[in-house]
Amino acid sequence: MPSTRDLRRRIKSIRNTSQITKAMQMVAAAKMRKAQQAALAGRPYASLMNEVLAEVAANAGDFTHPLMEVRELRKRAVIVVSTDKGLCGALNSNLLREAVKFHKDTTVYLTAGRKASQFVARTKRQLAAEFTYKDTPLFSEARAISRFAQDLFIKSEVDAVDILFTNFISTLTQKPEARSLLPVGEIKAVHAELEEGPADNARLLKGATEFLFEPGADQVLGGLLPHYLNFQVYQILLEAKASEYSARMVAMKNATDNANQLIKDLTLEYNKLRQANITKELLEITTAQMAMGN
């Protein structure tokens, strides 16, 4: 049985830990609000751009582009968007569990985030490139990732490109999701649940039977497709950051709550042990006095 001194040390140590996790919770909560606002702000533009591009591409005649070429799948590239740091619950574990499902011999990996790079190195998989992105992702960072993937596809080094990330659903829910990036097939909204806002403007295009392209369909759509991919990757980075800080805030809150509960349990045990020691000492004193009186 531990002594009262051991219990005091444990209580002090856990109290110090709870102060650290509480501070990390507050920092994550502040960053979480900013990341969530950025992710939510990008969804209307992404949805509108995808709807417009899908409608225009469907009415562009026999338009073809290297990024739309469908080939027999021999080699696949997967962009894995993870976090740089841990302490965010099962976020990275769930994500990397999905990454393992891709065939090891026919898949090359592009990583964004230190955890994904460590996973590829640890499992001895093929790493094509390693990227970093800041707490507030920049469009230039997403463009670098997207361009590298496009170059691999256009040079026929890979036949398809997928992107694996954690989609932000709510503060308490983040879901790992794999999405096809190349070849560009059916263009869908980045966030399927978005049903209102500026995307309603795109519905004005429905039913249009003729589009006038200047200078031409090939030039217009040829310029739109790379931008579409760049922004899709950028929106995914925003979703991943919102998921990261939401998961970290919840994880640190749970850690703080568990530490406080453990402190209560240890304090109760300490008080019981201390009371038992006091009772024992009183009994010894009483017994000694009775012996001396006799």
Protein backbone atom coordinates (compact mmCIF):
# COMPACT_ATOMS: atom_id res chain seq x y z
CA MET A 1 0.00 0.00 0.00
CA PRO A 2 1.43 3.44 -0.91
CA SER A 3 2.32 5.83 1.87
CA THR A 4 0.78 9.27 2.35
CA ARG A 5 3.98 10.80 0.96
CA ASP A 6 3.69 8.74 -2.23
CA LEU A 7 0.07 9.76 -2.64
CA ARG A 8 0.91 13.45 -2.17
CA ARG A 9 3.58 13.17 -4.85
CA ARG A 10 1.20 11.47 -7.27
CA ILE A 11 -1.51 14.07 -6.66
CA LYS A 12 0.96 16.89 -7.25
CA SER A 13 2.27 15.26 -10.44
CA ILE A 14 -1.22 14.66 -11.86
CA ARG A 15 -2.29 18.20 -10.94
CA ASN A 16 0.69 19.58 -12.91
CA THR A 17 -0.26 17.38 -15.87
CA SER A 18 -3.87 18.57 -15.74
CA GLN A 19 -2.69 22.18 -15.85
CA ILE A 20 -0.71 21.41 -19.01
CA THR A 21 -3.61 19.60 -20.71
CA LYS A 22 -5.96 22.43 -19.73
CA ALA A 23 -3.65 24.97 -21.34
CA MET A 24 -3.37 22.83 -24.48
CA GLN A 25 -7.15 22.55 -24.56
CA MET A 26 -7.53 26.34 -24.49
CA VAL A 27 -4.93 26.81 -27.24
CA ALA A 28 -6.56 24.14 -29.42
CA ALA A 29 -10.00 25.68 -28.86
CA ALA A 30 -8.78 29.09 -30.03
CA LYS A 31 -7.13 27.61 -33.15
CA MET A 32 -10.11 25.33 -33.73
CA ARG A 33 -12.52 28.25 -34.15
CA LYS A 34 -10.25 29.88 -36.70
CA ALA A 35 -9.70 26.63 -38.62
CA GLN A 36 -13.40 25.79 -38.65
CA GLN A 37 -14.29 29.25 -39.96
CA ALA A 38 -11.71 28.89 -42.75
CA ALA A 39 -13.03 25.46 -43.75
CA LEU A 40 -16.66 26.58 -43.71
CA ALA A 41 -15.84 29.76 -45.62
CA GLY A 42 -14.24 27.79 -48.47
CA ARG A 43 -17.10 25.36 -48.97
CA PRO A 44 -19.51 27.70 -50.84
CA TYR A 45 -16.83 28.68 -53.39
CA ALA A 46 -15.70 25.07 -53.83
CA SER A 47 -19.25 23.87 -54.31
CA LEU A 48 -20.13 26.66 -56.74
CA MET A 49 -16.94 26.14 -58.78
CA ASN A 50 -17.55 22.39 -58.99
CA GLU A 51 -21.15 22.81 -60.11
CA VAL A 52 -20.26 25.41 -62.72
CA LEU A 53 -17.33 23.36 -64.05
CA ALA A 54 -19.43 20.19 -64.18
CA GLU A 55 -22.21 21.94 -66.09
CA VAL A 56 -19.86 23.67 -68.50
CA ALA A 57 -17.80 20.53 -69.14
CA ALA A 58 -20.95 18.57 -69.90
CA ASN A 59 -21.87 21.08 -72.63
CA ALA A 60 -18.40 21.60 -74.09
CA GLY A 61 -18.74 19.02 -76.83
CA ASP A 62 -15.81 16.65 -77.44
CA PHE A 63 -13.51 18.38 -74.99
CA THR A 64 -10.56 16.26 -73.86
CA HIS A 65 -7.65 17.02 -71.56
CA PRO A 66 -4.60 15.04 -70.34
CA LEU A 67 -5.92 15.30 -66.77
CA MET A 68 -9.12 13.52 -67.86
CA GLU A 69 -7.43 10.57 -69.56
CA VAL A 70 -8.63 7.23 -68.18
CA ARG A 71 -5.95 4.53 -68.29
CA GLU A 72 -5.59 0.99 -67.08
CA LEU A 73 -4.63 1.14 -63.42
CA ARG A 74 -1.11 -0.18 -62.92
CA LYS A 75 0.31 2.39 -60.50
CA ARG A 76 -1.54 4.61 -58.06
CA ALA A 77 -0.44 7.70 -56.14
CA VAL A 78 -2.04 8.50 -52.79
CA ILE A 79 -1.76 11.90 -51.11
CA VAL A 80 -2.02 11.37 -47.35
CA VAL A 81 -2.89 14.53 -45.39
CA SER A 82 -2.08 14.04 -41.71
CA THR A 83 -1.00 16.19 -38.77
CA ASP A 84 2.49 17.21 -37.72
CA LYS A 85 1.87 16.57 -34.03
CA GLY A 86 0.02 14.02 -31.96
CA LEU A 87 -2.19 14.48 -28.90
CA CYS A 88 -5.31 14.55 -31.06
CA GLY A 89 -6.95 11.30 -30.08
CA ALA A 90 -7.43 8.60 -32.71
CA LEU A 91 -7.40 11.06 -35.62
CA ASN A 92 -4.14 9.88 -37.20
CA SER A 93 -4.69 6.23 -36.27
CA ASN A 94 -8.01 6.15 -38.11
CA LEU A 95 -6.50 7.94 -41.10
CA LEU A 96 -3.45 5.68 -41.40
CA ARG A 97 -5.65 2.62 -40.98
CA GLU A 98 -7.26 3.65 -44.26
CA ALA A 99 -3.84 4.26 -45.86
CA VAL A 100 -2.82 0.65 -45.16
CA LYS A 101 -5.68 -0.59 -47.38
CA PHE A 102 -3.87 0.54 -50.54
CA HIS A 103 -1.70 -2.13 -52.16
CA LYS A 104 1.89 -1.67 -51.05
CA ASP A 105 3.59 -2.69 -54.31
CA THR A 106 1.46 -0.62 -56.70
CA THR A 107 1.09 2.55 -54.63
CA VAL A 108 3.37 5.54 -54.20
CA TYR A 109 2.70 8.04 -51.45
CA LEU A 110 2.77 11.81 -51.30
CA THR A 111 2.57 13.01 -47.72
CA ALA A 112 1.46 16.28 -46.18
CA GLY A 113 2.18 16.18 -42.47
CA ARG A 114 4.92 14.59 -40.36
CA LYS A 115 2.75 11.72 -39.07
CA ALA A 116 2.06 10.48 -42.61
CA SER A 117 5.78 10.64 -43.47
CA GLN A 118 6.65 8.63 -40.38
CA PHE A 119 4.01 6.07 -41.29
CA VAL A 120 5.40 5.60 -44.81
CA ALA A 121 8.95 5.26 -43.48
CA ARG A 122 7.91 2.86 -40.71
CA THR A 123 5.94 0.57 -43.05
CA LYS A 124 8.67 0.74 -45.74
CA ARG A 125 6.36 2.02 -48.44
CA GLN A 126 7.40 4.06 -51.46
CA LEU A 127 7.51 7.80 -50.78
CA ALA A 128 7.43 10.03 -53.86
CA ALA A 129 7.38 13.42 -52.12
CA GLU A 130 6.97 14.98 -48.71
CA PHE A 131 5.20 18.30 -48.19
CA THR A 132 4.46 20.51 -45.22
CA TYR A 133 1.64 22.97 -44.58
CA LYS A 134 1.15 25.59 -41.89
CA ASP A 135 -1.44 25.90 -39.14
CA THR A 136 -3.27 28.21 -41.53
CA PRO A 137 -2.84 26.45 -44.90
CA LEU A 138 -1.79 28.61 -47.83
CA PHE A 139 -3.06 28.20 -51.37
CA SER A 140 0.54 28.06 -52.57
CA GLU A 141 1.13 24.98 -50.40
CA ALA A 142 -1.90 23.24 -51.88
CA ARG A 143 -0.84 24.24 -55.40
CA ALA A 144 2.59 22.65 -54.89
CA ILE A 145 1.02 19.37 -53.82
CA SER A 146 -1.51 19.43 -56.65
CA ARG A 147 1.05 20.27 -59.34
CA PHE A 148 3.37 17.47 -58.27
CA ALA A 149 0.49 14.99 -58.47
CA GLN A 150 -0.57 16.37 -61.86
CA ASP A 151 2.99 16.00 -63.20
CA LEU A 152 3.12 12.37 -62.08
CA PHE A 153 -0.17 11.70 -63.86
CA ILE A 154 0.61 13.59 -67.07
CA LYS A 155 4.03 11.86 -67.36
CA SER A 156 2.24 8.50 -66.96
CA GLU A 157 4.29 7.64 -63.89
CA VAL A 158 0.97 6.88 -62.18
CA ASP A 159 -2.42 6.06 -63.64
CA ALA A 160 -4.58 7.48 -60.85
CA VAL A 161 -4.22 9.85 -57.91
CA ASP A 162 -6.27 9.62 -54.74
CA ILE A 163 -6.19 11.89 -51.71
CA LEU A 164 -6.74 10.61 -48.17
CA PHE A 165 -7.67 13.09 -45.45
CA THR A 166 -9.85 13.58 -42.38
CA ASN A 167 -13.08 15.32 -43.33
CA PHE A 168 -14.45 17.80 -40.81
CA ILE A 169 -18.08 17.07 -39.97
CA SER A 170 -18.46 18.63 -36.53
CA THR A 171 -16.40 19.41 -33.45
CA LEU A 172 -17.01 15.91 -32.12
CA THR A 173 -16.99 14.04 -35.44
CA GLN A 174 -14.17 13.75 -37.97
CA LYS A 175 -14.20 11.03 -40.61
CA PRO A 176 -11.26 9.71 -42.68
CA GLU A 177 -12.14 9.86 -46.35
CA ALA A 178 -10.43 8.81 -49.58
CA ARG A 179 -11.32 10.82 -52.67
CA SER A 180 -10.32 10.35 -56.29
CA LEU A 181 -8.36 13.32 -57.63
CA LEU A 182 -7.11 12.13 -61.02
CA PRO A 183 -8.20 11.38 -63.65
CA VAL A 184 -10.82 14.10 -63.45
CA GLY A 185 -14.11 12.33 -64.00
CA GLU A 186 -17.45 13.37 -62.60
CA ILE A 187 -16.90 16.66 -60.79
CA LYS A 188 -18.59 16.71 -57.40
CA ALA A 189 -18.90 19.18 -54.58
CA VAL A 190 -16.11 19.10 -52.02
CA HIS A 191 -18.73 18.94 -49.26
CA ALA A 192 -21.83 17.12 -50.40
CA GLU A 193 -23.97 18.31 -47.50
CA LEU A 194 -23.83 21.93 -48.61
CA GLU A 195 -27.23 22.75 -50.07
CA GLU A 196 -27.63 26.47 -49.66
CA GLY A 197 -25.79 29.72 -50.13
CA PRO A 198 -23.92 30.88 -53.26
CA ALA A 199 -24.18 27.39 -54.77
CA ASP A 200 -27.79 28.24 -55.59
CA ASN A 201 -26.47 30.58 -58.27
CA ALA A 202 -25.01 27.62 -60.11
CA ARG A 203 -28.47 26.16 -60.51
CA LEU A 204 -29.23 29.05 -62.84
CA LEU A 205 -27.02 27.22 -65.33
CA LYS A 206 -29.26 24.16 -65.29
CA GLY A 207 -31.11 23.79 -68.54
CA ALA A 208 -28.68 25.95 -70.52
CA THR A 209 -28.13 24.34 -73.91
CA GLU A 210 -25.35 26.47 -75.37
CA PHE A 211 -22.19 28.10 -74.04
CA LEU A 212 -19.99 30.63 -75.78
CA PHE A 213 -16.30 30.18 -74.93
CA GLU A 214 -13.74 32.92 -75.48
CA PRO A 215 -11.10 32.24 -76.73
CA GLY A 216 -12.30 28.61 -76.90
CA ALA A 217 -13.50 25.64 -74.90
CA ASP A 218 -10.07 23.99 -74.85
CA GLN A 219 -8.35 27.10 -73.50
CA VAL A 220 -11.04 27.92 -70.94
CA LEU A 221 -11.53 24.44 -69.55
CA GLY A 222 -7.83 23.66 -69.89
CA GLY A 223 -7.14 26.56 -67.53
CA LEU A 224 -10.02 25.74 -65.19
CA LEU A 225 -9.13 22.09 -64.57
CA PRO A 226 -5.72 22.71 -62.90
CA HIS A 227 -7.27 25.48 -60.79
CA TYR A 228 -10.12 23.16 -59.87
CA LEU A 229 -7.61 20.55 -58.63
CA ASN A 230 -5.52 23.15 -56.81
CA PHE A 231 -8.51 24.51 -54.93
CA GLN A 232 -9.83 21.04 -54.17
CA VAL A 233 -6.52 20.19 -52.46
CA TYR A 234 -6.57 23.56 -50.67
CA GLN A 235 -10.09 22.93 -49.34
CA ILE A 236 -9.00 19.48 -48.17
CA LEU A 237 -6.09 21.02 -46.25
CA LEU A 238 -8.54 23.38 -44.55
CA GLU A 239 -10.83 20.47 -43.67
CA ALA A 240 -7.87 18.51 -42.27
CA LYS A 241 -6.77 21.40 -40.06
CA ALA A 242 -10.28 21.94 -38.73
CA SER A 243 -10.46 18.22 -37.94
CA GLU A 244 -7.05 18.27 -36.24
CA TYR A 245 -7.79 21.11 -33.84
CA SER A 246 -11.29 19.82 -33.09
CA ALA A 247 -9.89 16.39 -32.23
CA ARG A 248 -7.06 17.87 -30.16
CA MET A 249 -9.42 20.12 -28.19
CA VAL A 250 -11.70 17.17 -27.38
CA ALA A 251 -8.73 14.92 -26.51
CA MET A 252 -7.21 17.50 -24.18
CA LYS A 253 -10.58 18.12 -22.53
CA ASN A 254 -10.98 14.40 -21.89
CA ALA A 255 -7.42 14.22 -20.53
CA THR A 256 -8.09 17.14 -18.19
CA ASP A 257 -11.37 15.62 -16.97
CA ASN A 258 -9.68 12.26 -16.38
CA ALA A 259 -6.83 13.91 -14.47
CA ASN A 260 -9.27 15.81 -12.25
CA GLN A 261 -11.20 12.62 -11.53
CA LEU A 262 -7.98 10.79 -10.71
CA ILE A 263 -6.99 13.60 -8.35
CA LYS A 264 -10.33 13.23 -6.55
CA ASP A 265 -9.88 9.47 -6.22
CA LEU A 266 -6.31 9.80 -4.93
CA THR A 267 -7.31 12.56 -2.52
CA LEU A 268 -10.03 10.32 -1.10
CA GLU A 269 -7.55 7.47 -0.75
CA TYR A 270 -5.05 9.83 0.88
CA ASN A 271 -7.61 11.06 3.41
CA LYS A 272 -8.65 7.50 4.25
CA LEU A 273 -5.03 6.44 4.76
CA ARG A 274 -4.29 9.54 6.82
CA GLN A 275 -7.35 8.91 9.00
CA ALA A 276 -6.31 5.30 9.45
CA ASN A 277 -2.83 6.37 10.54
CA ILE A 278 -4.28 8.87 13.02
CA THR A 279 -6.63 6.22 14.42
CA LYS A 280 -3.74 3.78 14.71
CA GLU A 281 -1.61 6.32 16.59
CA LEU A 282 -4.49 7.11 18.97
CA LEU A 283 -4.96 3.42 19.68
CA GLU A 284 -1.26 3.02 20.37
CA ILE A 285 -1.30 6.00 22.77
CA THR A 286 -4.41 4.71 24.54
CA THR A 287 -2.97 1.22 24.84
CA ALA A 288 0.29 2.59 26.24
CA GLN A 289 -1.55 4.69 28.82
CA MET A 290 -3.66 1.73 29.88
CA ALA A 291 -0.56 -0.41 30.25
CA MET A 292 1.20 2.22 32.33
CA GLY A 293 -1.90 2.70 34.53
CA ASN A 294 -2.06 -0.98 35.29
